[in-house]
Amino acid sequence: GPYQYSWSHDLGSTKDVTFTPDQTRTYDATVRNEYGCQDTKPVEVVVNPLPVIDFNLATGTNEVCENEGTVALIPVAPNTGGAFSGPGVTGNFFDPAAAGASLVPHNVSYTFQNTTTGCSSTITKPVIVHPEPNVSVLGNQTNFCADQVTGTLRGNPENSNGMWTLATGARPWFTDNGDGRATIDIVSALADAGESSYTADYIYTNPTTGCVSNENYHTFTVRNDLSDDVDFRLLDDSPVPTELCQDGADIDLKAFLVSTDAALTIGNFSGPGISDNGNGTAVFSPEDAGTGTHVISYTYTDPSTLCSADVSHSIKIGTE
């Protein structure tokens, strides 16, 4: 026949009731039949607590830099056997580069289930990924010539947050100026190791985010005085005469590299009585120069290094 149901704690008067318990408690279920007979039975509902969980980034902060490498995600004891999820998450590590720099935080979650009670908890934390500073060392010289005496390297941004270092270690002739620039004492560098190449790194720290950009490399070479390797002589390879008669024949001059004996095909001759041919050669006319001692000069700029040489010879012209 029909039955009437009644639950304690105002749970209702139907056979089945649905409710959300917030604590462990015993509820009474009463059943009455059409004859007025009834029975009451206790029903204990056990409410297990949710696991208390938390986690931290190994950096100690939820703000990281895009280029600082993977960061360990550390669950707080004792509930440490859970799983992490979210952008850039692999296992127990967060990769800022994989997640990507963004003004919008990335949500990283940690979920843990109590294997005894079956209860689980999830906690989500926002992680901000700041971009690597935008840094450039373009536009710096790649060759520093001896006649410059000193040279300068400049980073961009150029301010006190940037620092120059040499990859091979500190040298007394290389100075970081503390303002995004470095000074190279070329003469001292040549005395230290001769004509050599070096790699410098511009390291810049964003003052707002603390993110650092390094490996901004610039390679440069300090060059010997090119004037020591450039000279000129007569077209037949004999040396430039120191004296000529005014009515003597014109002489042909040509420039060359001392180190290789190779002819130079560019550069400019100048001086009294000189007719420059524009190809590394010239004609000197004693008659046009006139009497007296004349300085004949040759200037040359290396097209690859842009270092310059300036050499000269003196020729005394008499009447006969």
C-alpha atoms as a PDB file:
ATOM      1  CA  GLY A   1       0.000   0.000   0.000  1.00  0.00           C
ATOM      2  CA  PRO A   2       1.000   3.707   0.040  1.00  0.00           C
ATOM      3  CA  TYR A   3       3.730   4.904   2.373  1.00  0.00           C
ATOM      4  CA  GLN A   4       4.452   8.298   3.865  1.00  0.00           C
ATOM      5  CA  TYR A   5       8.027   9.451   4.277  1.00  0.00           C
ATOM      6  CA  SER A   6       9.527  12.027   6.577  1.00  0.00           C
ATOM      7  CA  TRP A   7      13.129  13.151   6.939  1.00  0.00           C
ATOM      8  CA  SER A   8      14.597  15.035   9.857  1.00  0.00           C
ATOM      9  CA  HIS A   9      16.328  18.381   9.498  1.00  0.00           C
ATOM     10  CA  ASP A  10      13.641  19.519   7.058  1.00  0.00           C
ATOM     11  CA  LEU A  11      15.031  17.405   4.245  1.00  0.00           C
ATOM     12  CA  GLY A  12      11.565  16.688   2.861  1.00  0.00           C
ATOM     13  CA  SER A  13       8.785  14.145   2.701  1.00  0.00           C
ATOM     14  CA  THR A  14       9.690  12.063  -0.323  1.00  0.00           C
ATOM     15  CA  LYS A  15      11.313   8.713  -0.503  1.00  0.00           C
ATOM     16  CA  ASP A  16      14.463  10.125  -2.062  1.00  0.00           C
ATOM     17  CA  VAL A  17      15.873  13.495  -1.079  1.00  0.00           C
ATOM     18  CA  THR A  18      18.764  15.482  -2.532  1.00  0.00           C
ATOM     19  CA  PHE A  19      20.722  17.910  -0.409  1.00  0.00           C
ATOM     20  CA  THR A  20      24.228  19.249   0.116  1.00  0.00           C
ATOM     21  CA  PRO A  21      25.602  18.352   3.533  1.00  0.00           C
ATOM     22  CA  ASP A  22      28.192  20.640   5.084  1.00  0.00           C
ATOM     23  CA  GLN A  23      29.216  18.403   7.955  1.00  0.00           C
ATOM     24  CA  THR A  24      29.045  14.814   9.149  1.00  0.00           C
ATOM     25  CA  ARG A  25      25.572  14.248  10.646  1.00  0.00           C
ATOM     26  CA  THR A  26      22.962  11.538  11.332  1.00  0.00           C
ATOM     27  CA  TYR A  27      19.563  12.016   9.700  1.00  0.00           C
ATOM     28  CA  ASP A  28      16.366  10.186  10.690  1.00  0.00           C
ATOM     29  CA  ALA A  29      14.154   8.653   8.018  1.00  0.00           C
ATOM     30  CA  THR A  30      10.586   7.794   9.122  1.00  0.00           C
ATOM     31  CA  VAL A  31       8.223   5.593   7.088  1.00  0.00           C
ATOM     32  CA  ARG A  32       4.454   5.274   7.895  1.00  0.00           C
ATOM     33  CA  ASN A  33       2.015   2.857   6.193  1.00  0.00           C
ATOM     34  CA  GLU A  34      -1.723   3.167   5.700  1.00  0.00           C
ATOM     35  CA  TYR A  35      -2.377   1.442   9.014  1.00  0.00           C
ATOM     36  CA  GLY A  36      -0.530   4.063  10.944  1.00  0.00           C
ATOM     37  CA  CYS A  37       2.421   1.869  11.649  1.00  0.00           C
ATOM     38  CA  GLN A  38       5.776   3.581  11.365  1.00  0.00           C
ATOM     39  CA  ASP A  39       9.466   2.992  11.795  1.00  0.00           C
ATOM     40  CA  THR A  40      12.419   5.341  12.032  1.00  0.00           C
ATOM     41  CA  LYS A  41      15.955   4.539  10.984  1.00  0.00           C
ATOM     42  CA  PRO A  42      19.072   6.692  11.377  1.00  0.00           C
ATOM     43  CA  VAL A  43      21.169   7.457   8.283  1.00  0.00           C
ATOM     44  CA  GLU A  44      24.695   8.765   8.873  1.00  0.00           C
ATOM     45  CA  VAL A  45      26.138  10.979   6.153  1.00  0.00           C
ATOM     46  CA  VAL A  46      29.903  11.416   6.467  1.00  0.00           C
ATOM     47  CA  VAL A  47      31.331  14.641   5.010  1.00  0.00           C
ATOM     48  CA  ASN A  48      35.068  14.394   4.416  1.00  0.00           C
ATOM     49  CA  PRO A  49      37.056  17.633   4.298  1.00  0.00           C
ATOM     50  CA  LEU A  50      38.565  18.783   1.018  1.00  0.00           C
ATOM     51  CA  PRO A  51      42.356  18.496   0.825  1.00  0.00           C
ATOM     52  CA  VAL A  52      44.077  21.739   1.783  1.00  0.00           C
ATOM     53  CA  ILE A  53      46.488  22.501  -1.036  1.00  0.00           C
ATOM     54  CA  ASP A  54      48.790  25.228  -2.267  1.00  0.00           C
ATOM     55  CA  PHE A  55      51.792  25.633  -4.548  1.00  0.00           C
ATOM     56  CA  ASN A  56      54.527  28.134  -5.285  1.00  0.00           C
ATOM     57  CA  LEU A  57      56.899  28.890  -8.112  1.00  0.00           C
ATOM     58  CA  ALA A  58      60.552  28.183  -7.340  1.00  0.00           C
ATOM     59  CA  THR A  59      61.313  31.842  -8.103  1.00  0.00           C
ATOM     60  CA  GLY A  60      59.254  32.876  -5.079  1.00  0.00           C
ATOM     61  CA  THR A  61      57.071  35.170  -7.159  1.00  0.00           C
ATOM     62  CA  ASN A  62      54.255  34.759  -9.655  1.00  0.00           C
ATOM     63  CA  GLU A  63      55.947  37.166 -12.055  1.00  0.00           C
ATOM     64  CA  VAL A  64      58.605  35.637 -14.296  1.00  0.00           C
ATOM     65  CA  CYS A  65      60.594  36.636 -17.369  1.00  0.00           C
ATOM     66  CA  GLU A  66      60.044  35.117 -20.784  1.00  0.00           C
ATOM     67  CA  ASN A  67      63.702  34.171 -21.217  1.00  0.00           C
ATOM     68  CA  GLU A  68      64.644  32.905 -17.758  1.00  0.00           C
ATOM     69  CA  GLY A  69      64.092  29.232 -18.555  1.00  0.00           C
ATOM     70  CA  THR A  70      61.772  26.670 -17.006  1.00  0.00           C
ATOM     71  CA  VAL A  71      60.598  27.281 -13.446  1.00  0.00           C
ATOM     72  CA  ALA A  72      59.797  24.487 -11.001  1.00  0.00           C
ATOM     73  CA  LEU A  73      56.245  24.339  -9.593  1.00  0.00           C
ATOM     74  CA  ILE A  74      56.420  23.251  -5.952  1.00  0.00           C
ATOM     75  CA  PRO A  75      53.359  21.843  -4.134  1.00  0.00           C
ATOM     76  CA  VAL A  76      53.100  22.681  -0.448  1.00  0.00           C
ATOM     77  CA  ALA A  77      53.334  19.634   1.878  1.00  0.00           C
ATOM     78  CA  PRO A  78      51.705  17.382   2.792  1.00  0.00           C
ATOM     79  CA  ASN A  79      49.493  17.149  -0.295  1.00  0.00           C
ATOM     80  CA  THR A  80      52.243  17.005  -2.881  1.00  0.00           C
ATOM     81  CA  GLY A  81      51.257  14.223  -5.275  1.00  0.00           C
ATOM     82  CA  GLY A  82      48.877  16.152  -7.496  1.00  0.00           C
ATOM     83  CA  ALA A  83      49.029  17.333 -11.090  1.00  0.00           C
ATOM     84  CA  PHE A  84      49.684  20.756 -12.618  1.00  0.00           C
ATOM     85  CA  SER A  85      47.997  22.127 -15.716  1.00  0.00           C
ATOM     86  CA  GLY A  86      47.897  25.333 -17.731  1.00  0.00           C
ATOM     87  CA  PRO A  87      49.730  27.117 -20.561  1.00  0.00           C
ATOM     88  CA  GLY A  88      53.429  26.297 -20.673  1.00  0.00           C
ATOM     89  CA  VAL A  89      53.082  23.551 -18.026  1.00  0.00           C
ATOM     90  CA  THR A  90      54.827  20.203 -18.450  1.00  0.00           C
ATOM     91  CA  GLY A  91      54.885  17.974 -15.401  1.00  0.00           C
ATOM     92  CA  ASN A  92      55.981  20.068 -12.445  1.00  0.00           C
ATOM     93  CA  PHE A  93      57.556  22.805 -14.541  1.00  0.00           C
ATOM     94  CA  PHE A  94      56.358  26.050 -16.094  1.00  0.00           C
ATOM     95  CA  ASP A  95      58.047  27.264 -19.292  1.00  0.00           C
ATOM     96  CA  PRO A  96      57.547  31.045 -19.653  1.00  0.00           C
ATOM     97  CA  ALA A  97      58.709  31.015 -23.276  1.00  0.00           C
ATOM     98  CA  ALA A  98      56.177  28.325 -24.193  1.00  0.00           C
ATOM     99  CA  ALA A  99      53.392  30.182 -22.392  1.00  0.00           C
ATOM    100  CA  GLY A 100      54.431  33.460 -24.006  1.00  0.00           C
ATOM    101  CA  ALA A 101      54.809  36.988 -22.699  1.00  0.00           C
ATOM    102  CA  SER A 102      51.459  38.610 -22.068  1.00  0.00           C
ATOM    103  CA  LEU A 103      49.836  41.434 -20.146  1.00  0.00           C
ATOM    104  CA  VAL A 104      47.064  38.936 -19.326  1.00  0.00           C
ATOM    105  CA  PRO A 105      48.150  36.448 -16.628  1.00  0.00           C
ATOM    106  CA  HIS A 106      48.343  32.738 -17.427  1.00  0.00           C
ATOM    107  CA  ASN A 107      46.266  30.541 -15.109  1.00  0.00           C
ATOM    108  CA  VAL A 108      48.289  27.664 -13.663  1.00  0.00           C
ATOM    109  CA  SER A 109      46.300  25.083 -11.709  1.00  0.00           C
ATOM    110  CA  TYR A 110      47.185  22.345  -9.212  1.00  0.00           C
ATOM    111  CA  THR A 111      44.775  19.467  -8.517  1.00  0.00           C
ATOM    112  CA  PHE A 112      45.166  16.918  -5.714  1.00  0.00           C
ATOM    113  CA  GLN A 113      42.945  13.947  -4.830  1.00  0.00           C
ATOM    114  CA  ASN A 114      42.927  12.236  -1.436  1.00  0.00           C
ATOM    115  CA  THR A 115      43.106   8.542  -2.328  1.00  0.00           C
ATOM    116  CA  THR A 116      41.436   7.546   0.949  1.00  0.00           C
ATOM    117  CA  THR A 117      38.371   9.775   0.790  1.00  0.00           C
ATOM    118  CA  GLY A 118      38.273  10.365  -2.958  1.00  0.00           C
ATOM    119  CA  CYS A 119      37.928  14.079  -2.325  1.00  0.00           C
ATOM    120  CA  SER A 120      39.879  16.425  -4.556  1.00  0.00           C
ATOM    121  CA  SER A 121      40.817  20.109  -4.564  1.00  0.00           C
ATOM    122  CA  THR A 122      42.044  22.459  -7.267  1.00  0.00           C
ATOM    123  CA  ILE A 123      43.822  25.762  -6.788  1.00  0.00           C
ATOM    124  CA  THR A 124      44.569  28.199  -9.609  1.00  0.00           C
ATOM    125  CA  LYS A 125      47.098  31.020  -9.535  1.00  0.00           C
ATOM    126  CA  PRO A 126      47.764  33.736 -12.122  1.00  0.00           C
ATOM    127  CA  VAL A 127      51.310  33.826 -13.476  1.00  0.00           C
ATOM    128  CA  ILE A 128      52.502  36.914 -15.329  1.00  0.00           C
ATOM    129  CA  VAL A 129      55.177  36.454 -18.008  1.00  0.00           C
ATOM    130  CA  HIS A 130      57.139  39.619 -18.740  1.00  0.00           C
ATOM    131  CA  PRO A 131      58.854  39.964 -22.149  1.00  0.00           C
ATOM    132  CA  GLU A 132      62.599  39.910 -22.603  1.00  0.00           C
ATOM    133  CA  PRO A 133      63.868  43.486 -23.001  1.00  0.00           C
ATOM    134  CA  ASN A 134      64.146  44.566 -26.624  1.00  0.00           C
ATOM    135  CA  VAL A 135      67.869  45.219 -27.050  1.00  0.00           C
ATOM    136  CA  SER A 136      70.071  45.930 -30.063  1.00  0.00           C
ATOM    137  CA  VAL A 137      73.785  46.431 -30.673  1.00  0.00           C
ATOM    138  CA  LEU A 138      73.434  47.105 -34.391  1.00  0.00           C
ATOM    139  CA  GLY A 139      75.296  50.031 -35.891  1.00  0.00           C
ATOM    140  CA  ASN A 140      78.530  49.615 -33.939  1.00  0.00           C
ATOM    141  CA  GLN A 141      81.873  49.579 -35.705  1.00  0.00           C
ATOM    142  CA  THR A 142      83.313  46.187 -36.510  1.00  0.00           C
ATOM    143  CA  ASN A 143      86.829  47.541 -37.041  1.00  0.00           C
ATOM    144  CA  PHE A 144      88.680  49.975 -34.806  1.00  0.00           C
ATOM    145  CA  CYS A 145      91.766  51.463 -36.435  1.00  0.00           C
ATOM    146  CA  ALA A 146      94.942  52.423 -34.625  1.00  0.00           C
ATOM    147  CA  ASP A 147      94.732  56.033 -35.750  1.00  0.00           C
ATOM    148  CA  GLN A 148      91.367  56.398 -33.975  1.00  0.00           C
ATOM    149  CA  VAL A 149      93.179  56.008 -30.634  1.00  0.00           C
ATOM    150  CA  THR A 150      89.907  55.198 -28.834  1.00  0.00           C
ATOM    151  CA  GLY A 151      86.618  53.628 -29.910  1.00  0.00           C
ATOM    152  CA  THR A 152      83.097  53.421 -28.503  1.00  0.00           C
ATOM    153  CA  LEU A 153      80.461  50.693 -28.349  1.00  0.00           C
ATOM    154  CA  ARG A 154      76.835  51.713 -27.785  1.00  0.00           C
ATOM    155  CA  GLY A 155      73.878  49.598 -26.738  1.00  0.00           C
ATOM    156  CA  ASN A 156      70.213  50.295 -27.369  1.00  0.00           C
ATOM    157  CA  PRO A 157      68.545  51.207 -25.020  1.00  0.00           C
ATOM    158  CA  GLU A 158      71.508  53.342 -24.067  1.00  0.00           C
ATOM    159  CA  ASN A 159      71.308  54.120 -20.352  1.00  0.00           C
ATOM    160  CA  SER A 160      72.582  53.095 -16.932  1.00  0.00           C
ATOM    161  CA  ASN A 161      70.608  49.822 -17.019  1.00  0.00           C
ATOM    162  CA  GLY A 162      72.956  48.441 -19.677  1.00  0.00           C
ATOM    163  CA  MET A 163      76.424  46.984 -19.166  1.00  0.00           C
ATOM    164  CA  TRP A 164      79.136  45.911 -21.604  1.00  0.00           C
ATOM    165  CA  THR A 165      81.452  42.952 -20.912  1.00  0.00           C
ATOM    166  CA  LEU A 166      84.058  41.089 -22.942  1.00  0.00           C
ATOM    167  CA  ALA A 167      83.357  37.401 -23.522  1.00  0.00           C
ATOM    168  CA  THR A 168      87.018  36.588 -22.890  1.00  0.00           C
ATOM    169  CA  GLY A 169      87.033  38.370 -19.539  1.00  0.00           C
ATOM    170  CA  ALA A 170      88.028  41.797 -18.318  1.00  0.00           C
ATOM    171  CA  ARG A 171      90.828  43.653 -20.088  1.00  0.00           C
ATOM    172  CA  PRO A 172      92.342  46.930 -18.840  1.00  0.00           C
ATOM    173  CA  TRP A 173      91.767  48.610 -22.203  1.00  0.00           C
ATOM    174  CA  PHE A 174      88.000  47.838 -22.255  1.00  0.00           C
ATOM    175  CA  THR A 175      85.860  49.990 -19.966  1.00  0.00           C
ATOM    176  CA  ASP A 176      82.124  49.889 -19.348  1.00  0.00           C
ATOM    177  CA  ASN A 177      81.079  53.500 -18.787  1.00  0.00           C
ATOM    178  CA  GLY A 178      77.907  52.730 -16.827  1.00  0.00           C
ATOM    179  CA  ASP A 179      75.685  54.566 -19.305  1.00  0.00           C
ATOM    180  CA  GLY A 180      75.132  51.956 -22.030  1.00  0.00           C
ATOM    181  CA  ARG A 181      78.501  52.710 -23.632  1.00  0.00           C
ATOM    182  CA  ALA A 182      81.940  51.138 -23.521  1.00  0.00           C
ATOM    183  CA  THR A 183      85.286  52.683 -24.380  1.00  0.00           C
ATOM    184  CA  ILE A 184      88.053  50.801 -26.176  1.00  0.00           C
ATOM    185  CA  ASP A 185      91.620  52.052 -25.771  1.00  0.00           C
ATOM    186  CA  ILE A 186      92.796  50.884 -29.189  1.00  0.00           C
ATOM    187  CA  VAL A 187      96.457  51.676 -28.661  1.00  0.00           C
ATOM    188  CA  SER A 188      96.538  49.680 -25.411  1.00  0.00           C
ATOM    189  CA  ALA A 189      94.582  46.823 -26.988  1.00  0.00           C
ATOM    190  CA  LEU A 190      97.149  46.574 -29.785  1.00  0.00           C
ATOM    191  CA  ALA A 191      99.972  46.658 -27.258  1.00  0.00           C
ATOM    192  CA  ASP A 192      98.213  43.899 -25.303  1.00  0.00           C
ATOM    193  CA  ALA A 193      97.642  41.356 -28.078  1.00  0.00           C
ATOM    194  CA  GLY A 194      98.310  42.961 -31.442  1.00  0.00           C
ATOM    195  CA  GLU A 195      95.684  42.957 -34.155  1.00  0.00           C
ATOM    196  CA  SER A 196      92.943  40.752 -32.703  1.00  0.00           C
ATOM    197  CA  SER A 197      89.191  40.190 -32.691  1.00  0.00           C
ATOM    198  CA  TYR A 198      86.983  40.264 -29.597  1.00  0.00           C
ATOM    199  CA  THR A 199      83.333  39.646 -28.763  1.00  0.00           C
ATOM    200  CA  ALA A 200      81.494  41.973 -26.404  1.00  0.00           C
ATOM    201  CA  ASP A 201      78.121  41.324 -24.777  1.00  0.00           C
ATOM    202  CA  TYR A 202      75.610  44.061 -23.939  1.00  0.00           C
ATOM    203  CA  ILE A 203      73.568  43.045 -20.894  1.00  0.00           C
ATOM    204  CA  TYR A 204      70.446  45.086 -20.223  1.00  0.00           C
ATOM    205  CA  THR A 205      68.045  44.947 -17.260  1.00  0.00           C
ATOM    206  CA  ASN A 206      64.514  46.328 -17.530  1.00  0.00           C
ATOM    207  CA  PRO A 207      64.197  48.536 -14.421  1.00  0.00           C
ATOM    208  CA  THR A 208      60.447  47.869 -14.145  1.00  0.00           C
ATOM    209  CA  THR A 209      60.244  44.095 -14.570  1.00  0.00           C
ATOM    210  CA  GLY A 210      63.785  43.115 -13.602  1.00  0.00           C
ATOM    211  CA  CYS A 211      64.026  40.989 -16.745  1.00  0.00           C
ATOM    212  CA  VAL A 212      67.490  40.712 -18.270  1.00  0.00           C
ATOM    213  CA  SER A 213      68.546  40.468 -21.905  1.00  0.00           C
ATOM    214  CA  ASN A 214      72.035  39.146 -22.520  1.00  0.00           C
ATOM    215  CA  GLU A 215      73.900  37.414 -25.318  1.00  0.00           C
ATOM    216  CA  ASN A 216      73.580  40.613 -27.344  1.00  0.00           C
ATOM    217  CA  TYR A 217      76.935  39.989 -28.941  1.00  0.00           C
ATOM    218  CA  HIS A 218      79.020  42.321 -31.063  1.00  0.00           C
ATOM    219  CA  THR A 219      82.337  41.211 -32.557  1.00  0.00           C
ATOM    220  CA  PHE A 220      84.991  43.777 -33.371  1.00  0.00           C
ATOM    221  CA  THR A 221      88.632  43.831 -34.449  1.00  0.00           C
ATOM    222  CA  VAL A 222      91.333  46.253 -33.380  1.00  0.00           C
ATOM    223  CA  ARG A 223      93.536  46.986 -36.376  1.00  0.00           C
ATOM    224  CA  ASN A 224      97.197  47.877 -36.631  1.00  0.00           C
ATOM    225  CA  ASP A 225      98.195  51.229 -38.068  1.00  0.00           C
ATOM    226  CA  LEU A 226      97.597  50.760 -41.783  1.00  0.00           C
ATOM    227  CA  SER A 227     100.229  53.379 -42.549  1.00  0.00           C
ATOM    228  CA  ASP A 228     102.828  50.820 -41.485  1.00  0.00           C
ATOM    229  CA  ASP A 229     101.679  48.504 -44.274  1.00  0.00           C
ATOM    230  CA  VAL A 230     101.217  50.981 -47.138  1.00  0.00           C
ATOM    231  CA  ASP A 231     103.909  52.649 -49.228  1.00  0.00           C
ATOM    232  CA  PHE A 232     104.626  53.748 -52.778  1.00  0.00           C
ATOM    233  CA  ARG A 233     107.576  53.403 -55.148  1.00  0.00           C
ATOM    234  CA  LEU A 234     108.451  53.754 -58.804  1.00  0.00           C
ATOM    235  CA  LEU A 235     106.572  51.733 -61.374  1.00  0.00           C
ATOM    236  CA  ASP A 236     109.673  49.564 -61.917  1.00  0.00           C
ATOM    237  CA  ASP A 237     109.696  48.738 -58.172  1.00  0.00           C
ATOM    238  CA  SER A 238     112.714  50.885 -57.403  1.00  0.00           C
ATOM    239  CA  PRO A 239     112.481  53.255 -54.415  1.00  0.00           C
ATOM    240  CA  VAL A 240     111.322  56.844 -54.734  1.00  0.00           C
ATOM    241  CA  PRO A 241     114.364  59.035 -55.390  1.00  0.00           C
ATOM    242  CA  THR A 242     115.196  61.694 -52.847  1.00  0.00           C
ATOM    243  CA  GLU A 243     116.604  64.102 -55.414  1.00  0.00           C
ATOM    244  CA  LEU A 244     115.788  64.917 -59.065  1.00  0.00           C
ATOM    245  CA  CYS A 245     116.815  67.533 -61.553  1.00  0.00           C
ATOM    246  CA  GLN A 246     114.152  70.010 -62.573  1.00  0.00           C
ATOM    247  CA  ASP A 247     114.656  69.172 -66.236  1.00  0.00           C
ATOM    248  CA  GLY A 248     114.635  65.436 -65.501  1.00  0.00           C
ATOM    249  CA  ALA A 249     112.064  63.043 -66.908  1.00  0.00           C
ATOM    250  CA  ASP A 250     108.721  62.477 -65.241  1.00  0.00           C
ATOM    251  CA  ILE A 251     108.592  59.458 -62.942  1.00  0.00           C
ATOM    252  CA  ASP A 252     105.735  56.982 -62.516  1.00  0.00           C
ATOM    253  CA  LEU A 253     104.654  56.061 -58.996  1.00  0.00           C
ATOM    254  CA  LYS A 254     102.588  53.143 -57.722  1.00  0.00           C
ATOM    255  CA  ALA A 255     101.207  52.233 -54.300  1.00  0.00           C
ATOM    256  CA  PHE A 256     101.500  48.793 -52.720  1.00  0.00           C
ATOM    257  CA  LEU A 257     100.998  46.792 -49.514  1.00  0.00           C
ATOM    258  CA  VAL A 258     104.271  46.140 -47.751  1.00  0.00           C
ATOM    259  CA  SER A 259     103.060  42.865 -46.179  1.00  0.00           C
ATOM    260  CA  THR A 260     102.051  41.215 -49.456  1.00  0.00           C
ATOM    261  CA  ASP A 261     103.775  43.370 -52.088  1.00  0.00           C
ATOM    262  CA  ALA A 262     100.363  43.591 -53.797  1.00  0.00           C
ATOM    263  CA  ALA A 263      99.628  46.675 -55.863  1.00  0.00           C
ATOM    264  CA  LEU A 264      96.876  48.982 -54.611  1.00  0.00           C
ATOM    265  CA  THR A 265      94.395  50.103 -57.210  1.00  0.00           C
ATOM    266  CA  ILE A 266      92.617  52.817 -55.257  1.00  0.00           C
ATOM    267  CA  GLY A 267      93.772  55.770 -53.180  1.00  0.00           C
ATOM    268  CA  ASN A 268      94.974  59.254 -53.990  1.00  0.00           C
ATOM    269  CA  PHE A 269      98.378  60.815 -54.653  1.00  0.00           C
ATOM    270  CA  SER A 270      98.843  64.506 -53.936  1.00  0.00           C
ATOM    271  CA  GLY A 271     101.584  67.125 -53.879  1.00  0.00           C
ATOM    272  CA  PRO A 272     103.365  69.554 -56.186  1.00  0.00           C
ATOM    273  CA  GLY A 273     103.927  68.181 -59.688  1.00  0.00           C
ATOM    274  CA  ILE A 274     101.612  65.190 -59.109  1.00  0.00           C
ATOM    275  CA  SER A 275      99.058  63.956 -61.621  1.00  0.00           C
ATOM    276  CA  ASP A 276      96.977  61.282 -59.908  1.00  0.00           C
ATOM    277  CA  ASN A 277      95.668  58.551 -62.222  1.00  0.00           C
ATOM    278  CA  GLY A 278      92.922  57.445 -59.824  1.00  0.00           C
ATOM    279  CA  ASN A 279      94.026  53.802 -59.848  1.00  0.00           C
ATOM    280  CA  GLY A 280      96.791  53.694 -57.276  1.00  0.00           C
ATOM    281  CA  THR A 281      99.345  55.213 -59.642  1.00  0.00           C
ATOM    282  CA  ALA A 282     100.503  58.743 -60.377  1.00  0.00           C
ATOM    283  CA  VAL A 283     102.978  60.741 -62.445  1.00  0.00           C
ATOM    284  CA  PHE A 284     105.403  63.148 -60.802  1.00  0.00           C
ATOM    285  CA  SER A 285     106.761  65.980 -62.972  1.00  0.00           C
ATOM    286  CA  PRO A 286     109.942  67.631 -61.605  1.00  0.00           C
ATOM    287  CA  GLU A 287     109.447  70.497 -64.039  1.00  0.00           C
ATOM    288  CA  ASP A 288     105.894  71.164 -62.819  1.00  0.00           C
ATOM    289  CA  ALA A 289     106.934  70.836 -59.188  1.00  0.00           C
ATOM    290  CA  GLY A 290     109.733  73.400 -59.505  1.00  0.00           C
ATOM    291  CA  THR A 291     112.816  73.771 -57.382  1.00  0.00           C
ATOM    292  CA  GLY A 292     112.766  72.992 -53.688  1.00  0.00           C
ATOM    293  CA  THR A 293     111.915  70.059 -51.481  1.00  0.00           C
ATOM    294  CA  HIS A 294     108.423  68.709 -52.098  1.00  0.00           C
ATOM    295  CA  VAL A 295     106.343  66.256 -50.039  1.00  0.00           C
ATOM    296  CA  ILE A 296     104.485  63.689 -52.122  1.00  0.00           C
ATOM    297  CA  SER A 297     101.646  61.989 -50.234  1.00  0.00           C
ATOM    298  CA  TYR A 298      99.459  58.965 -50.804  1.00  0.00           C
ATOM    299  CA  THR A 299      96.256  58.316 -48.849  1.00  0.00           C
ATOM    300  CA  TYR A 300      94.440  55.013 -48.868  1.00  0.00           C
ATOM    301  CA  THR A 301      91.306  53.664 -47.183  1.00  0.00           C
ATOM    302  CA  ASP A 302      90.826  49.909 -46.925  1.00  0.00           C
ATOM    303  CA  PRO A 303      87.327  49.230 -48.335  1.00  0.00           C
ATOM    304  CA  SER A 304      86.701  46.318 -45.947  1.00  0.00           C
ATOM    305  CA  THR A 305      87.987  47.738 -42.646  1.00  0.00           C
ATOM    306  CA  LEU A 306      87.658  51.467 -43.477  1.00  0.00           C
ATOM    307  CA  CYS A 307      91.045  52.010 -41.837  1.00  0.00           C
ATOM    308  CA  SER A 308      93.143  54.673 -43.521  1.00  0.00           C
ATOM    309  CA  ALA A 309      96.811  55.138 -44.312  1.00  0.00           C
ATOM    310  CA  ASP A 310      98.700  58.299 -45.114  1.00  0.00           C
ATOM    311  CA  VAL A 311     102.296  57.929 -46.300  1.00  0.00           C
ATOM    312  CA  SER A 312     104.695  60.409 -47.885  1.00  0.00           C
ATOM    313  CA  HIS A 313     108.132  60.819 -49.428  1.00  0.00           C
ATOM    314  CA  SER A 314     110.164  63.989 -49.870  1.00  0.00           C
ATOM    315  CA  ILE A 315     111.845  64.780 -53.206  1.00  0.00           C
ATOM    316  CA  LYS A 316     114.344  67.596 -53.572  1.00  0.00           C
ATOM    317  CA  ILE A 317     114.313  69.248 -56.991  1.00  0.00           C
ATOM    318  CA  GLY A 318     117.403  71.121 -58.189  1.00  0.00           C
ATOM    319  CA  THR A 319     117.958  73.059 -61.411  1.00  0.00           C
ATOM    320  CA  GLU A 320     120.339  70.425 -62.856  1.00  0.00           C
END
